[in-house]
């Protein structure tokens, strides 16, 4: 049985995600179903969710600054 739900997500990332999933031959709903199944399988978020340390924050900032250099 399926259920319908409504979620609010950022429009830009939603559109980008849909384009990527389309390239993979998958719908947004299918990806959400995979995510939900992984939550059940792992009994939690299926990836690490943590606050980045100072070194990681610096690396992220450097990467963002390099985006326009290519």
PDB file of N, CA and C in Angstrom:
ATOM      1  N   UNK A   1       0.847  -1.175   0.000  1.00  0.00           N
ATOM      2  CA  UNK A   1       0.000   0.000   0.000  1.00  0.00           C
ATOM      3  C   UNK A   1       0.891   1.236   0.000  1.00  0.00           C
ATOM      4  N   UNK A   2       0.493   2.261  -0.708  1.00  0.00           N
ATOM      5  CA  UNK A   2       1.232   3.521  -0.798  1.00  0.00           C
ATOM      6  C   UNK A   2       0.481   4.592  -0.023  1.00  0.00           C
ATOM      7  N   UNK A   3       1.228   5.581   0.471  1.00  0.00           N
ATOM      8  CA  UNK A   3       0.620   6.726   1.128  1.00  0.00           C
ATOM      9  C   UNK A   3       1.166   7.992   0.487  1.00  0.00           C
ATOM     10  N   UNK A   4       0.373   9.018   0.480  1.00  0.00           N
ATOM     11  CA  UNK A   4       0.801  10.287  -0.092  1.00  0.00           C
ATOM     12  C   UNK A   4       1.218  11.222   1.035  1.00  0.00           C
ATOM     13  N   UNK A   5       2.303  11.958   0.800  1.00  0.00           N
ATOM     14  CA  UNK A   5       2.799  12.896   1.797  1.00  0.00           C
ATOM     15  C   UNK A   5       3.273  14.165   1.109  1.00  0.00           C
ATOM     16  N   UNK A   6       3.440  15.201   1.873  1.00  0.00           N
ATOM     17  CA  UNK A   6       3.939  16.461   1.344  1.00  0.00           C
ATOM     18  C   UNK A   6       5.169  16.860   2.149  1.00  0.00           C
ATOM     19  N   UNK A   7       6.225  17.229   1.448  1.00  0.00           N
ATOM     20  CA  UNK A   7       7.435  17.717   2.100  1.00  0.00           C
ATOM     21  C   UNK A   7       7.824  19.046   1.468  1.00  0.00           C
ATOM     22  N   UNK A   8       8.476  19.870   2.254  1.00  0.00           N
ATOM     23  CA  UNK A   8       8.972  21.145   1.740  1.00  0.00           C
ATOM     24  C   UNK A   8      10.491  21.049   1.620  1.00  0.00           C
ATOM     25  N   UNK A   9      10.975  21.272   0.404  1.00  0.00           N
ATOM     26  CA  UNK A   9      12.411  21.226   0.144  1.00  0.00           C
ATOM     27  C   UNK A   9      12.801  22.474  -0.638  1.00  0.00           C
ATOM     28  N   UNK A  10      14.081  22.782  -0.623  1.00  0.00           N
ATOM     29  CA  UNK A  10      14.583  23.922  -1.383  1.00  0.00           C
ATOM     30  C   UNK A  10      14.383  23.658  -2.873  1.00  0.00           C
ATOM     31  N   UNK A  11      13.828  24.636  -3.570  1.00  0.00           N
ATOM     32  CA  UNK A  11      13.473  24.461  -4.977  1.00  0.00           C
ATOM     33  C   UNK A  11      14.683  24.136  -5.853  1.00  0.00           C
ATOM     34  N   UNK A  12      15.790  24.848  -5.649  1.00  0.00           N
ATOM     35  CA  UNK A  12      16.968  24.656  -6.495  1.00  0.00           C
ATOM     36  C   UNK A  12      17.511  23.234  -6.367  1.00  0.00           C
ATOM     37  N   UNK A  13      17.695  22.766  -5.134  1.00  0.00           N
ATOM     38  CA  UNK A  13      18.244  21.416  -4.959  1.00  0.00           C
ATOM     39  C   UNK A  13      17.248  20.347  -5.415  1.00  0.00           C
ATOM     40  N   UNK A  14      15.950  20.625  -5.257  1.00  0.00           N
ATOM     41  CA  UNK A  14      14.916  19.689  -5.714  1.00  0.00           C
ATOM     42  C   UNK A  14      15.016  19.496  -7.227  1.00  0.00           C
ATOM     43  N   UNK A  15      15.115  20.610  -7.952  1.00  0.00           N
ATOM     44  CA  UNK A  15      15.208  20.526  -9.413  1.00  0.00           C
ATOM     45  C   UNK A  15      16.490  19.820  -9.846  1.00  0.00           C
ATOM     46  N   UNK A  16      17.598  20.139  -9.171  1.00  0.00           N
ATOM     47  CA  UNK A  16      18.865  19.483  -9.508  1.00  0.00           C
ATOM     48  C   UNK A  16      18.793  17.989  -9.217  1.00  0.00           C
ATOM     49  N   UNK A  17      18.221  17.636  -8.079  1.00  0.00           N
ATOM     50  CA  UNK A  17      18.086  16.225  -7.717  1.00  0.00           C
ATOM     51  C   UNK A  17      17.218  15.488  -8.736  1.00  0.00           C
ATOM     52  N   UNK A  18      16.109  16.100  -9.146  1.00  0.00           N
ATOM     53  CA  UNK A  18      15.234  15.452 -10.133  1.00  0.00           C
ATOM     54  C   UNK A  18      15.965  15.217 -11.446  1.00  0.00           C
ATOM     55  N   UNK A  19      16.783  16.189 -11.869  1.00  0.00           N
ATOM     56  CA  UNK A  19      17.545  16.032 -13.113  1.00  0.00           C
ATOM     57  C   UNK A  19      18.548  14.885 -12.998  1.00  0.00           C
ATOM     58  N   UNK A  20      19.244  14.821 -11.870  1.00  0.00           N
ATOM     59  CA  UNK A  20      20.216  13.747 -11.656  1.00  0.00           C
ATOM     60  C   UNK A  20      19.511  12.399 -11.637  1.00  0.00           C
ATOM     61  N   UNK A  21      18.403  12.321 -10.908  1.00  0.00           N
ATOM     62  CA  UNK A  21      17.662  11.059 -10.823  1.00  0.00           C
ATOM     63  C   UNK A  21      17.107  10.640 -12.176  1.00  0.00           C
ATOM     64  N   UNK A  22      16.675  11.605 -12.978  1.00  0.00           N
ATOM     65  CA  UNK A  22      16.175  11.298 -14.320  1.00  0.00           C
ATOM     66  C   UNK A  22      17.288  10.652 -15.151  1.00  0.00           C
ATOM     67  N   UNK A  23      18.502  11.188 -15.033  1.00  0.00           N
ATOM     68  CA  UNK A  23      19.650  10.616 -15.738  1.00  0.00           C
ATOM     69  C   UNK A  23      19.893   9.180 -15.299  1.00  0.00           C
ATOM     70  N   UNK A  24      19.621   8.911 -14.026  1.00  0.00           N
ATOM     71  CA  UNK A  24      19.786   7.558 -13.490  1.00  0.00           C
ATOM     72  C   UNK A  24      18.598   6.649 -13.800  1.00  0.00           C
ATOM     73  N   UNK A  25      17.557   7.217 -14.446  1.00  0.00           N
ATOM     74  CA  UNK A  25      16.374   6.424 -14.774  1.00  0.00           C
ATOM     75  C   UNK A  25      15.460   6.207 -13.586  1.00  0.00           C
ATOM     76  N   UNK A  26      15.468   7.153 -12.668  1.00  0.00           N
ATOM     77  CA  UNK A  26      14.717   7.011 -11.422  1.00  0.00           C
ATOM     78  C   UNK A  26      13.912   8.273 -11.158  1.00  0.00           C
ATOM     79  N   UNK A  27      12.735   8.105 -10.592  1.00  0.00           N
ATOM     80  CA  UNK A  27      11.918   9.255 -10.221  1.00  0.00           C
ATOM     81  C   UNK A  27      12.273   9.719  -8.808  1.00  0.00           C
ATOM     82  N   UNK A  28      11.843  10.919  -8.484  1.00  0.00           N
ATOM     83  CA  UNK A  28      12.054  11.450  -7.135  1.00  0.00           C
ATOM     84  C   UNK A  28      11.364  10.554  -6.113  1.00  0.00           C
ATOM     85  N   UNK A  29      10.158  10.111  -6.426  1.00  0.00           N
ATOM     86  CA  UNK A  29       9.421   9.220  -5.513  1.00  0.00           C
ATOM     87  C   UNK A  29      10.163   7.915  -5.283  1.00  0.00           C
ATOM     88  N   UNK A  30      10.742   7.361  -6.331  1.00  0.00           N
ATOM     89  CA  UNK A  30      11.505   6.120  -6.178  1.00  0.00           C
ATOM     90  C   UNK A  30      12.720   6.346  -5.271  1.00  0.00           C
ATOM     91  N   UNK A  31      13.392   7.479  -5.438  1.00  0.00           N
ATOM     92  CA  UNK A  31      14.549   7.784  -4.596  1.00  0.00           C
ATOM     93  C   UNK A  31      14.130   7.953  -3.141  1.00  0.00           C
ATOM     94  N   UNK A  32      13.006   8.601  -2.900  1.00  0.00           N
ATOM     95  CA  UNK A  32      12.512   8.773  -1.536  1.00  0.00           C
ATOM     96  C   UNK A  32      12.167   7.411  -0.934  1.00  0.00           C
ATOM     97  N   UNK A  33      11.585   6.525  -1.718  1.00  0.00           N
ATOM     98  CA  UNK A  33      11.281   5.175  -1.231  1.00  0.00           C
ATOM     99  C   UNK A  33      12.559   4.422  -0.863  1.00  0.00           C
ATOM    100  N   UNK A  34      13.610   4.575  -1.662  1.00  0.00           N
ATOM    101  CA  UNK A  34      14.889   3.948  -1.328  1.00  0.00           C
ATOM    102  C   UNK A  34      15.414   4.513  -0.019  1.00  0.00           C
ATOM    103  N   UNK A  35      15.371   5.845   0.116  1.00  0.00           N
ATOM    104  CA  UNK A  35      15.826   6.488   1.343  1.00  0.00           C
ATOM    105  C   UNK A  35      15.041   5.982   2.550  1.00  0.00           C
ATOM    106  N   UNK A  36      13.734   5.927   2.434  1.00  0.00           N
ATOM    107  CA  UNK A  36      12.901   5.419   3.537  1.00  0.00           C
ATOM    108  C   UNK A  36      13.260   3.976   3.885  1.00  0.00           C
ATOM    109  N   UNK A  37      13.451   3.140   2.871  1.00  0.00           N
ATOM    110  CA  UNK A  37      13.811   1.736   3.120  1.00  0.00           C
ATOM    111  C   UNK A  37      15.173   1.626   3.798  1.00  0.00           C
ATOM    112  N   UNK A  38      16.111   2.484   3.426  1.00  0.00           N
ATOM    113  CA  UNK A  38      17.427   2.470   4.064  1.00  0.00           C
ATOM    114  C   UNK A  38      17.339   2.913   5.527  1.00  0.00           C
ATOM    115  N   UNK A  39      16.478   3.876   5.821  1.00  0.00           N
ATOM    116  CA  UNK A  39      16.268   4.293   7.214  1.00  0.00           C
ATOM    117  C   UNK A  39      15.784   3.108   8.035  1.00  0.00           C
ATOM    118  N   UNK A  40      14.837   2.368   7.488  1.00  0.00           N
ATOM    119  CA  UNK A  40      14.308   1.192   8.194  1.00  0.00           C
ATOM    120  C   UNK A  40      15.399   0.137   8.352  1.00  0.00           C
ATOM    121  N   UNK A  41      16.129  -0.147   7.278  1.00  0.00           N
ATOM    122  CA  UNK A  41      17.179  -1.161   7.303  1.00  0.00           C
ATOM    123  C   UNK A  41      18.285  -0.822   8.303  1.00  0.00           C
ATOM    124  N   UNK A  42      18.690   0.447   8.335  1.00  0.00           N
ATOM    125  CA  UNK A  42      19.792   0.883   9.207  1.00  0.00           C
ATOM    126  C   UNK A  42      19.321   1.344  10.590  1.00  0.00           C
ATOM    127  N   UNK A  43      18.016   1.410  10.766  1.00  0.00           N
ATOM    128  CA  UNK A  43      17.443   1.906  12.027  1.00  0.00           C
ATOM    129  C   UNK A  43      17.922   3.328  12.332  1.00  0.00           C
ATOM    130  N   UNK A  44      17.991   4.144  11.285  1.00  0.00           N
ATOM    131  CA  UNK A  44      18.428   5.538  11.429  1.00  0.00           C
ATOM    132  C   UNK A  44      18.799   6.103  10.075  1.00  0.00           C
ATOM    133  N   UNK A  45      19.345   7.293  10.084  1.00  0.00           N
ATOM    134  CA  UNK A  45      19.791   7.923   8.839  1.00  0.00           C
ATOM    135  C   UNK A  45      20.904   7.043   8.240  1.00  0.00           C
ATOM    136  N   UNK A  46      20.822   6.729   6.942  1.00  0.00           N
ATOM    137  CA  UNK A  46      21.769   5.773   6.355  1.00  0.00           C
ATOM    138  C   UNK A  46      23.134   6.363   5.988  1.00  0.00           C
ATOM    139  N   UNK A  47      23.498   7.466   6.590  1.00  0.00           N
ATOM    140  CA  UNK A  47      24.814   8.064   6.390  1.00  0.00           C
ATOM    141  C   UNK A  47      25.141   8.895   7.624  1.00  0.00           C
ATOM    142  N   UNK A  48      26.421   9.207   7.800  1.00  0.00           N
ATOM    143  CA  UNK A  48      26.839   9.977   8.965  1.00  0.00           C
ATOM    144  C   UNK A  48      26.266  11.389   8.914  1.00  0.00           C
ATOM    145  N   UNK A  49      25.717  11.821  10.013  1.00  0.00           N
ATOM    146  CA  UNK A  49      25.242  13.193  10.161  1.00  0.00           C
ATOM    147  C   UNK A  49      25.969  13.758  11.364  1.00  0.00           C
ATOM    148  N   UNK A  50      26.928  14.633  11.096  1.00  0.00           N
ATOM    149  CA  UNK A  50      27.690  15.185  12.200  1.00  0.00           C
ATOM    150  C   UNK A  50      28.177  16.578  11.858  1.00  0.00           C
ATOM    151  N   UNK A  51      28.537  17.307  12.864  1.00  0.00           N
ATOM    152  CA  UNK A  51      29.046  18.661  12.698  1.00  0.00           C
ATOM    153  C   UNK A  51      30.493  18.553  12.240  1.00  0.00           C
ATOM    154  N   UNK A  52      30.846  19.226  11.128  1.00  0.00           N
ATOM    155  CA  UNK A  52      32.219  19.135  10.643  1.00  0.00           C
ATOM    156  C   UNK A  52      33.203  19.828  11.600  1.00  0.00           C
ATOM    157  N   UNK A  53      34.416  19.263  11.681  1.00  0.00           N
ATOM    158  CA  UNK A  53      35.433  19.891  12.510  1.00  0.00           C
ATOM    159  C   UNK A  53      36.070  21.062  11.757  1.00  0.00           C
ATOM    160  N   UNK A  54      36.974  21.777  12.405  1.00  0.00           N
ATOM    161  CA  UNK A  54      37.588  22.975  11.815  1.00  0.00           C
ATOM    162  C   UNK A  54      38.322  22.657  10.507  1.00  0.00           C
ATOM    163  N   UNK A  55      39.030  21.546  10.471  1.00  0.00           N
ATOM    164  CA  UNK A  55      39.768  21.172   9.266  1.00  0.00           C
ATOM    165  C   UNK A  55      38.818  20.939   8.091  1.00  0.00           C
ATOM    166  N   UNK A  56      37.732  20.248   8.359  1.00  0.00           N
ATOM    167  CA  UNK A  56      36.747  19.994   7.310  1.00  0.00           C
ATOM    168  C   UNK A  56      36.086  21.286   6.860  1.00  0.00           C
ATOM    169  N   UNK A  57      35.771  22.171   7.797  1.00  0.00           N
ATOM    170  CA  UNK A  57      35.177  23.461   7.444  1.00  0.00           C
ATOM    171  C   UNK A  57      36.105  24.266   6.540  1.00  0.00           C
ATOM    172  N   UNK A  58      37.409  24.280   6.847  1.00  0.00           N
ATOM    173  CA  UNK A  58      38.377  24.996   6.004  1.00  0.00           C
ATOM    174  C   UNK A  58      38.437  24.377   4.610  1.00  0.00           C
ATOM    175  N   UNK A  59      38.431  23.052   4.543  1.00  0.00           N
ATOM    176  CA  UNK A  59      38.468  22.374   3.246  1.00  0.00           C
ATOM    177  C   UNK A  59      37.212  22.680   2.432  1.00  0.00           C
ATOM    178  N   UNK A  60      36.066  22.717   3.095  1.00  0.00           N
ATOM    179  CA  UNK A  60      34.811  23.038   2.402  1.00  0.00           C
ATOM    180  C   UNK A  60      34.858  24.466   1.874  1.00  0.00           C
ATOM    181  N   UNK A  61      35.386  25.381   2.666  1.00  0.00           N
ATOM    182  CA  UNK A  61      35.484  26.774   2.239  1.00  0.00           C
ATOM    183  C   UNK A  61      36.433  26.906   1.050  1.00  0.00           C
ATOM    184  N   UNK A  62      37.566  26.203   1.101  1.00  0.00           N
ATOM    185  CA  UNK A  62      38.510  26.228  -0.013  1.00  0.00           C
ATOM    186  C   UNK A  62      37.868  25.666  -1.281  1.00  0.00           C
ATOM    187  N   UNK A  63      37.133  24.599  -1.148  1.00  0.00           N
ATOM    188  CA  UNK A  63      36.462  23.989  -2.306  1.00  0.00           C
ATOM    189  C   UNK A  63      35.445  24.942  -2.906  1.00  0.00           C
ATOM    190  N   UNK A  64      34.700  25.635  -2.064  1.00  0.00           N
ATOM    191  CA  UNK A  64      33.720  26.596  -2.568  1.00  0.00           C
ATOM    192  C   UNK A  64      34.417  27.736  -3.298  1.00  0.00           C
ATOM    193  N   UNK A  65      35.544  28.174  -2.784  1.00  0.00           N
ATOM    194  CA  UNK A  65      36.297  29.258  -3.418  1.00  0.00           C
ATOM    195  C   UNK A  65      36.898  28.826  -4.762  1.00  0.00           C
ATOM    196  N   UNK A  66      37.169  27.552  -4.932  1.00  0.00           N
ATOM    197  CA  UNK A  66      37.748  27.041  -6.173  1.00  0.00           C
ATOM    198  C   UNK A  66      36.711  26.785  -7.256  1.00  0.00           C
ATOM    199  N   UNK A  67      35.436  26.746  -6.915  1.00  0.00           N
ATOM    200  CA  UNK A  67      34.393  26.399  -7.887  1.00  0.00           C
ATOM    201  C   UNK A  67      34.457  27.261  -9.122  1.00  0.00           C
ATOM    202  N   UNK A  68      34.726  28.545  -8.992  1.00  0.00           N
ATOM    203  CA  UNK A  68      34.748  29.448 -10.140  1.00  0.00           C
ATOM    204  C   UNK A  68      36.049  29.430 -10.899  1.00  0.00           C
ATOM    205  N   UNK A  69      37.056  28.704 -10.418  1.00  0.00           N
ATOM    206  CA  UNK A  69      38.371  28.709 -11.050  1.00  0.00           C
ATOM    207  C   UNK A  69      38.521  27.691 -12.176  1.00  0.00           C
ATOM    208  N   UNK A  70      37.515  26.921 -12.475  1.00  0.00           N
ATOM    209  CA  UNK A  70      37.647  25.866 -13.481  1.00  0.00           C
ATOM    210  C   UNK A  70      37.216  26.361 -14.830  1.00  0.00           C
TER     211      UNK A  70
END
